[in-house]
Amino acid sequence: MAATSPTAGQPIPNNTYGKAWRDARAMVLTPVQQRSPLARRPYDLRHAAVSLWLNAGIPATQVAEWAEHSVHVLMRVYARCVYGQEEAARRQIETALAQSKPEETPPPEQAKPR
């Protein structure tokens, strides 16, 4: 006898996903975390991933491609989620400037009059 699907080939109801998600959260989160908005919906994982990528310093163009957003939409939605990158950006600029600085060489000898 062949096994049959509990949904008989029909789409899985949204409340089934919701219950499975709540059960999963209960298994891995502390009671305090469960009461918080942390990963309240599966879709929240997408926001967490995009925020993580941006905070890790991945260029916005790459993150936008992975998230299938335009850079404009990405920055409009996620710019407020990016923290602590100013200092890292300043260090990158300083490093780039230091690398482009010409070597200090002594001035050429002055031509002596004859």
N, C-alpha and C. Protein backbone atom coordinates (compact mmCIF):
# COMPACT_ATOMS: atom_id res chain seq x y z
N MET A 1 0.84 -1.17 0.00
CA MET A 1 0.00 0.00 0.00
C MET A 1 0.89 1.24 0.00
N ALA A 2 0.63 2.16 -0.87
CA ALA A 2 1.43 3.38 -0.99
C ALA A 2 1.06 4.36 0.11
N ALA A 3 2.09 5.05 0.61
CA ALA A 3 1.85 6.09 1.62
C ALA A 3 1.16 7.27 0.96
N THR A 4 0.22 7.87 1.67
CA THR A 4 -0.46 9.03 1.12
C THR A 4 -0.05 10.27 1.90
N SER A 5 -0.08 11.39 1.22
CA SER A 5 0.27 12.67 1.82
C SER A 5 -0.85 13.12 2.76
N PRO A 6 -0.49 13.69 3.92
CA PRO A 6 -1.54 14.17 4.82
C PRO A 6 -2.38 15.29 4.20
N THR A 7 -1.84 15.97 3.19
CA THR A 7 -2.61 17.04 2.56
C THR A 7 -3.22 16.60 1.24
N ALA A 8 -3.04 15.33 0.89
CA ALA A 8 -3.60 14.76 -0.35
C ALA A 8 -3.25 15.61 -1.56
N GLY A 9 -2.01 16.08 -1.62
CA GLY A 9 -1.56 16.85 -2.77
C GLY A 9 -1.95 18.31 -2.76
N GLN A 10 -2.63 18.74 -1.72
CA GLN A 10 -3.04 20.15 -1.62
C GLN A 10 -1.93 20.95 -0.92
N PRO A 11 -1.91 22.27 -1.11
CA PRO A 11 -0.92 23.10 -0.41
C PRO A 11 -1.03 22.93 1.11
N ILE A 12 0.10 23.04 1.76
CA ILE A 12 0.12 22.96 3.22
C ILE A 12 -0.47 24.25 3.78
N PRO A 13 -1.42 24.16 4.69
CA PRO A 13 -2.03 25.37 5.26
C PRO A 13 -1.02 26.23 6.02
N ASN A 14 -1.20 27.55 5.94
CA ASN A 14 -0.29 28.47 6.63
C ASN A 14 -0.21 28.20 8.12
N ASN A 15 -1.32 27.82 8.74
CA ASN A 15 -1.27 27.60 10.19
C ASN A 15 -0.38 26.40 10.53
N THR A 16 -0.19 25.48 9.59
CA THR A 16 0.73 24.35 9.82
C THR A 16 2.16 24.87 9.88
N TYR A 17 2.52 25.76 8.95
CA TYR A 17 3.85 26.37 8.99
C TYR A 17 4.04 27.13 10.29
N GLY A 18 3.03 27.90 10.67
CA GLY A 18 3.13 28.70 11.89
C GLY A 18 3.35 27.86 13.12
N LYS A 19 2.64 26.75 13.23
CA LYS A 19 2.80 25.87 14.38
C LYS A 19 4.19 25.24 14.38
N ALA A 20 4.65 24.79 13.22
CA ALA A 20 5.99 24.19 13.13
C ALA A 20 7.05 25.22 13.52
N TRP A 21 6.86 26.47 13.08
CA TRP A 21 7.83 27.52 13.40
C TRP A 21 7.82 27.83 14.89
N ARG A 22 6.65 27.94 15.48
CA ARG A 22 6.56 28.19 16.94
C ARG A 22 7.21 27.05 17.72
N ASP A 23 6.97 25.82 17.30
CA ASP A 23 7.58 24.67 17.97
C ASP A 23 9.10 24.71 17.85
N ALA A 24 9.60 25.07 16.68
CA ALA A 24 11.05 25.15 16.47
C ALA A 24 11.66 26.24 17.34
N ARG A 25 11.01 27.40 17.41
CA ARG A 25 11.50 28.49 18.26
C ARG A 25 11.55 28.04 19.72
N ALA A 26 10.52 27.33 20.15
CA ALA A 26 10.46 26.87 21.55
C ALA A 26 11.60 25.90 21.86
N MET A 27 12.04 25.16 20.85
CA MET A 27 13.11 24.19 21.07
C MET A 27 14.48 24.85 21.18
N VAL A 28 14.69 25.99 20.52
CA VAL A 28 16.04 26.55 20.44
C VAL A 28 16.22 27.88 21.17
N LEU A 29 15.14 28.57 21.48
CA LEU A 29 15.26 29.88 22.12
C LEU A 29 14.95 29.78 23.61
N THR A 30 15.54 30.69 24.36
CA THR A 30 15.22 30.78 25.79
C THR A 30 13.81 31.36 25.93
N PRO A 31 13.20 31.23 27.10
CA PRO A 31 11.86 31.82 27.29
C PRO A 31 11.84 33.33 27.02
N VAL A 32 12.88 34.04 27.42
CA VAL A 32 12.95 35.49 27.16
C VAL A 32 13.01 35.75 25.66
N GLN A 33 13.84 34.99 24.95
CA GLN A 33 13.94 35.16 23.50
C GLN A 33 12.61 34.83 22.82
N GLN A 34 11.92 33.82 23.32
CA GLN A 34 10.63 33.44 22.73
C GLN A 34 9.61 34.57 22.84
N ARG A 35 9.69 35.35 23.90
CA ARG A 35 8.75 36.47 24.07
C ARG A 35 9.15 37.68 23.23
N SER A 36 10.38 37.69 22.74
CA SER A 36 10.87 38.81 21.94
C SER A 36 10.47 38.62 20.48
N PRO A 37 10.71 39.65 19.65
CA PRO A 37 10.39 39.51 18.22
C PRO A 37 11.45 38.70 17.45
N LEU A 38 12.46 38.19 18.14
CA LEU A 38 13.54 37.45 17.48
C LEU A 38 12.98 36.29 16.66
N ALA A 39 13.21 36.34 15.36
CA ALA A 39 12.79 35.27 14.45
C ALA A 39 11.33 34.86 14.67
N ARG A 40 10.49 35.85 14.86
CA ARG A 40 9.08 35.56 15.10
C ARG A 40 8.45 34.84 13.90
N ARG A 41 8.90 35.20 12.70
CA ARG A 41 8.38 34.57 11.48
C ARG A 41 9.56 34.02 10.68
N PRO A 42 9.37 33.00 9.88
CA PRO A 42 10.48 32.51 9.05
C PRO A 42 11.08 33.62 8.19
N TYR A 43 10.25 34.55 7.71
CA TYR A 43 10.74 35.63 6.86
C TYR A 43 11.76 36.50 7.59
N ASP A 44 11.70 36.53 8.92
CA ASP A 44 12.65 37.32 9.70
C ASP A 44 14.08 36.85 9.48
N LEU A 45 14.26 35.59 9.11
CA LEU A 45 15.60 35.07 8.85
C LEU A 45 16.22 35.77 7.65
N ARG A 46 15.40 36.13 6.67
CA ARG A 46 15.91 36.87 5.50
C ARG A 46 16.46 38.22 5.95
N HIS A 47 15.70 38.92 6.77
CA HIS A 47 16.16 40.21 7.28
C HIS A 47 17.44 40.05 8.09
N ALA A 48 17.50 39.01 8.88
CA ALA A 48 18.70 38.76 9.69
C ALA A 48 19.91 38.50 8.79
N ALA A 49 19.72 37.73 7.74
CA ALA A 49 20.83 37.43 6.84
C ALA A 49 21.32 38.69 6.14
N VAL A 50 20.40 39.48 5.60
CA VAL A 50 20.80 40.70 4.89
C VAL A 50 21.50 41.66 5.85
N SER A 51 20.98 41.82 7.05
CA SER A 51 21.61 42.69 8.05
C SER A 51 23.00 42.18 8.40
N LEU A 52 23.14 40.87 8.56
CA LEU A 52 24.45 40.29 8.87
C LEU A 52 25.44 40.56 7.75
N TRP A 53 25.03 40.35 6.51
CA TRP A 53 25.92 40.58 5.38
C TRP A 53 26.38 42.03 5.34
N LEU A 54 25.45 42.97 5.51
CA LEU A 54 25.82 44.39 5.48
C LEU A 54 26.75 44.74 6.63
N ASN A 55 26.46 44.24 7.83
CA ASN A 55 27.30 44.53 8.98
C ASN A 55 28.66 43.86 8.89
N ALA A 56 28.76 42.80 8.08
CA ALA A 56 30.04 42.13 7.88
C ALA A 56 30.90 42.88 6.86
N GLY A 57 30.32 43.93 6.26
CA GLY A 57 31.09 44.72 5.30
C GLY A 57 30.98 44.24 3.87
N ILE A 58 30.07 43.32 3.59
CA ILE A 58 29.87 42.88 2.21
C ILE A 58 29.33 44.07 1.43
N PRO A 59 29.90 44.37 0.25
CA PRO A 59 29.43 45.53 -0.51
C PRO A 59 27.92 45.45 -0.79
N ALA A 60 27.28 46.61 -0.70
CA ALA A 60 25.83 46.68 -0.89
C ALA A 60 25.41 46.13 -2.25
N THR A 61 26.25 46.31 -3.27
CA THR A 61 25.90 45.78 -4.59
C THR A 61 25.79 44.26 -4.56
N GLN A 62 26.70 43.60 -3.83
CA GLN A 62 26.66 42.14 -3.74
C GLN A 62 25.47 41.68 -2.91
N VAL A 63 25.23 42.35 -1.78
CA VAL A 63 24.09 41.99 -0.93
C VAL A 63 22.79 42.16 -1.70
N ALA A 64 22.69 43.25 -2.45
CA ALA A 64 21.47 43.49 -3.24
C ALA A 64 21.25 42.36 -4.25
N GLU A 65 22.33 41.92 -4.87
CA GLU A 65 22.20 40.82 -5.83
C GLU A 65 21.72 39.54 -5.13
N TRP A 66 22.34 39.20 -4.00
CA TRP A 66 21.95 37.99 -3.27
C TRP A 66 20.50 38.07 -2.80
N ALA A 67 20.09 39.26 -2.34
CA ALA A 67 18.74 39.43 -1.79
C ALA A 67 17.70 39.71 -2.87
N GLU A 68 18.18 39.85 -4.11
CA GLU A 68 17.31 40.17 -5.24
C GLU A 68 16.56 41.48 -5.01
N HIS A 69 17.32 42.48 -4.56
CA HIS A 69 16.83 43.85 -4.38
C HIS A 69 17.63 44.75 -5.31
N SER A 70 17.13 45.95 -5.53
CA SER A 70 17.98 46.99 -6.10
C SER A 70 18.79 47.55 -4.93
N VAL A 71 19.91 48.19 -5.22
CA VAL A 71 20.70 48.80 -4.15
C VAL A 71 19.87 49.88 -3.46
N HIS A 72 19.06 50.60 -4.23
CA HIS A 72 18.20 51.65 -3.66
C HIS A 72 17.26 51.06 -2.60
N VAL A 73 16.57 50.00 -2.96
CA VAL A 73 15.64 49.36 -2.01
C VAL A 73 16.40 48.80 -0.82
N LEU A 74 17.52 48.15 -1.08
CA LEU A 74 18.33 47.58 -0.01
C LEU A 74 18.69 48.65 1.02
N MET A 75 19.20 49.78 0.57
CA MET A 75 19.64 50.82 1.50
C MET A 75 18.45 51.50 2.17
N ARG A 76 17.34 51.63 1.48
CA ARG A 76 16.15 52.24 2.09
C ARG A 76 15.65 51.36 3.24
N VAL A 77 15.65 50.06 3.04
CA VAL A 77 15.11 49.15 4.05
C VAL A 77 16.12 48.83 5.14
N TYR A 78 17.39 48.65 4.77
CA TYR A 78 18.36 48.10 5.71
C TYR A 78 19.39 49.09 6.24
N ALA A 79 19.43 50.31 5.74
CA ALA A 79 20.46 51.25 6.19
C ALA A 79 20.44 51.43 7.70
N ARG A 80 19.26 51.40 8.30
CA ARG A 80 19.18 51.60 9.76
C ARG A 80 19.68 50.38 10.53
N CYS A 81 19.91 49.27 9.84
CA CYS A 81 20.38 48.04 10.50
C CYS A 81 21.90 47.92 10.50
N VAL A 82 22.58 48.86 9.85
CA VAL A 82 24.03 48.78 9.74
C VAL A 82 24.65 49.56 10.89
N TYR A 83 25.47 48.87 11.68
CA TYR A 83 26.05 49.47 12.87
C TYR A 83 27.57 49.37 12.84
N GLY A 84 28.22 50.39 13.40
CA GLY A 84 29.64 50.32 13.68
C GLY A 84 30.56 50.23 12.49
N GLN A 85 30.12 50.65 11.34
CA GLN A 85 31.00 50.54 10.18
C GLN A 85 31.80 51.81 9.92
N GLU A 86 31.45 52.89 10.60
CA GLU A 86 32.16 54.14 10.33
C GLU A 86 33.64 54.02 10.65
N GLU A 87 33.97 53.48 11.81
CA GLU A 87 35.38 53.35 12.19
C GLU A 87 36.13 52.44 11.22
N ALA A 88 35.52 51.34 10.84
CA ALA A 88 36.16 50.42 9.89
C ALA A 88 36.37 51.12 8.54
N ALA A 89 35.40 51.91 8.11
CA ALA A 89 35.52 52.64 6.85
C ALA A 89 36.66 53.64 6.91
N ARG A 90 36.79 54.34 8.04
CA ARG A 90 37.89 55.30 8.20
C ARG A 90 39.25 54.60 8.14
N ARG A 91 39.35 53.43 8.77
CA ARG A 91 40.61 52.68 8.72
C ARG A 91 40.94 52.25 7.29
N GLN A 92 39.92 51.83 6.54
CA GLN A 92 40.15 51.43 5.15
C GLN A 92 40.65 52.61 4.32
N ILE A 93 40.07 53.78 4.55
CA ILE A 93 40.51 54.98 3.83
C ILE A 93 41.94 55.32 4.19
N GLU A 94 42.27 55.29 5.48
CA GLU A 94 43.64 55.58 5.91
C GLU A 94 44.63 54.59 5.29
N THR A 95 44.27 53.33 5.25
CA THR A 95 45.14 52.31 4.64
C THR A 95 45.33 52.59 3.16
N ALA A 96 44.25 52.92 2.47
CA ALA A 96 44.35 53.21 1.04
C ALA A 96 45.22 54.43 0.78
N LEU A 97 45.06 55.45 1.62
CA LEU A 97 45.88 56.66 1.45
C LEU A 97 47.34 56.37 1.74
N ALA A 98 47.61 55.57 2.75
CA ALA A 98 49.00 55.24 3.10
C ALA A 98 49.66 54.45 1.97
N GLN A 99 48.90 53.59 1.32
CA GLN A 99 49.45 52.78 0.24
C GLN A 99 49.70 53.61 -1.01
N SER A 100 48.97 54.69 -1.19
CA SER A 100 49.13 55.50 -2.39
C SER A 100 50.13 56.64 -2.20
N LYS A 101 50.64 56.79 -0.96
CA LYS A 101 51.60 57.86 -0.70
C LYS A 101 52.93 57.52 -1.37
N PRO A 102 53.51 58.47 -2.12
CA PRO A 102 54.78 58.18 -2.77
C PRO A 102 55.88 57.96 -1.73
N GLU A 103 56.82 57.10 -2.10
CA GLU A 103 57.96 56.85 -1.22
C GLU A 103 58.71 58.16 -1.01
N GLU A 104 59.22 58.34 0.20
CA GLU A 104 60.01 59.53 0.45
C GLU A 104 61.40 59.30 -0.12
N THR A 105 61.75 60.10 -1.09
CA THR A 105 63.07 60.01 -1.69
C THR A 105 63.74 61.35 -1.55
N PRO A 106 65.04 61.33 -1.39
CA PRO A 106 65.74 62.61 -1.27
C PRO A 106 65.61 63.39 -2.57
N PRO A 107 65.59 64.72 -2.47
CA PRO A 107 65.49 65.52 -3.70
C PRO A 107 66.71 65.29 -4.58
N PRO A 108 66.54 65.41 -5.90
CA PRO A 108 67.70 65.22 -6.79
C PRO A 108 68.75 66.29 -6.51
N GLU A 109 70.00 65.91 -6.77
CA GLU A 109 71.08 66.87 -6.52
C GLU A 109 70.89 68.08 -7.43
N GLN A 110 71.19 69.21 -6.84
CA GLN A 110 71.10 70.45 -7.62
C GLN A 110 72.27 70.48 -8.60
N ALA A 111 71.98 70.95 -9.78
CA ALA A 111 73.06 71.09 -10.77
C ALA A 111 74.00 72.19 -10.30
N LYS A 112 75.30 71.88 -10.31
CA LYS A 112 76.29 72.87 -9.86
C LYS A 112 76.69 73.73 -11.05
N PRO A 113 76.76 75.03 -10.83
CA PRO A 113 77.19 75.89 -11.94
C PRO A 113 78.64 75.59 -12.30
N ARG A 114 78.96 75.72 -13.56
CA ARG A 114 80.34 75.46 -14.01
C ARG A 114 81.16 76.67 -13.99
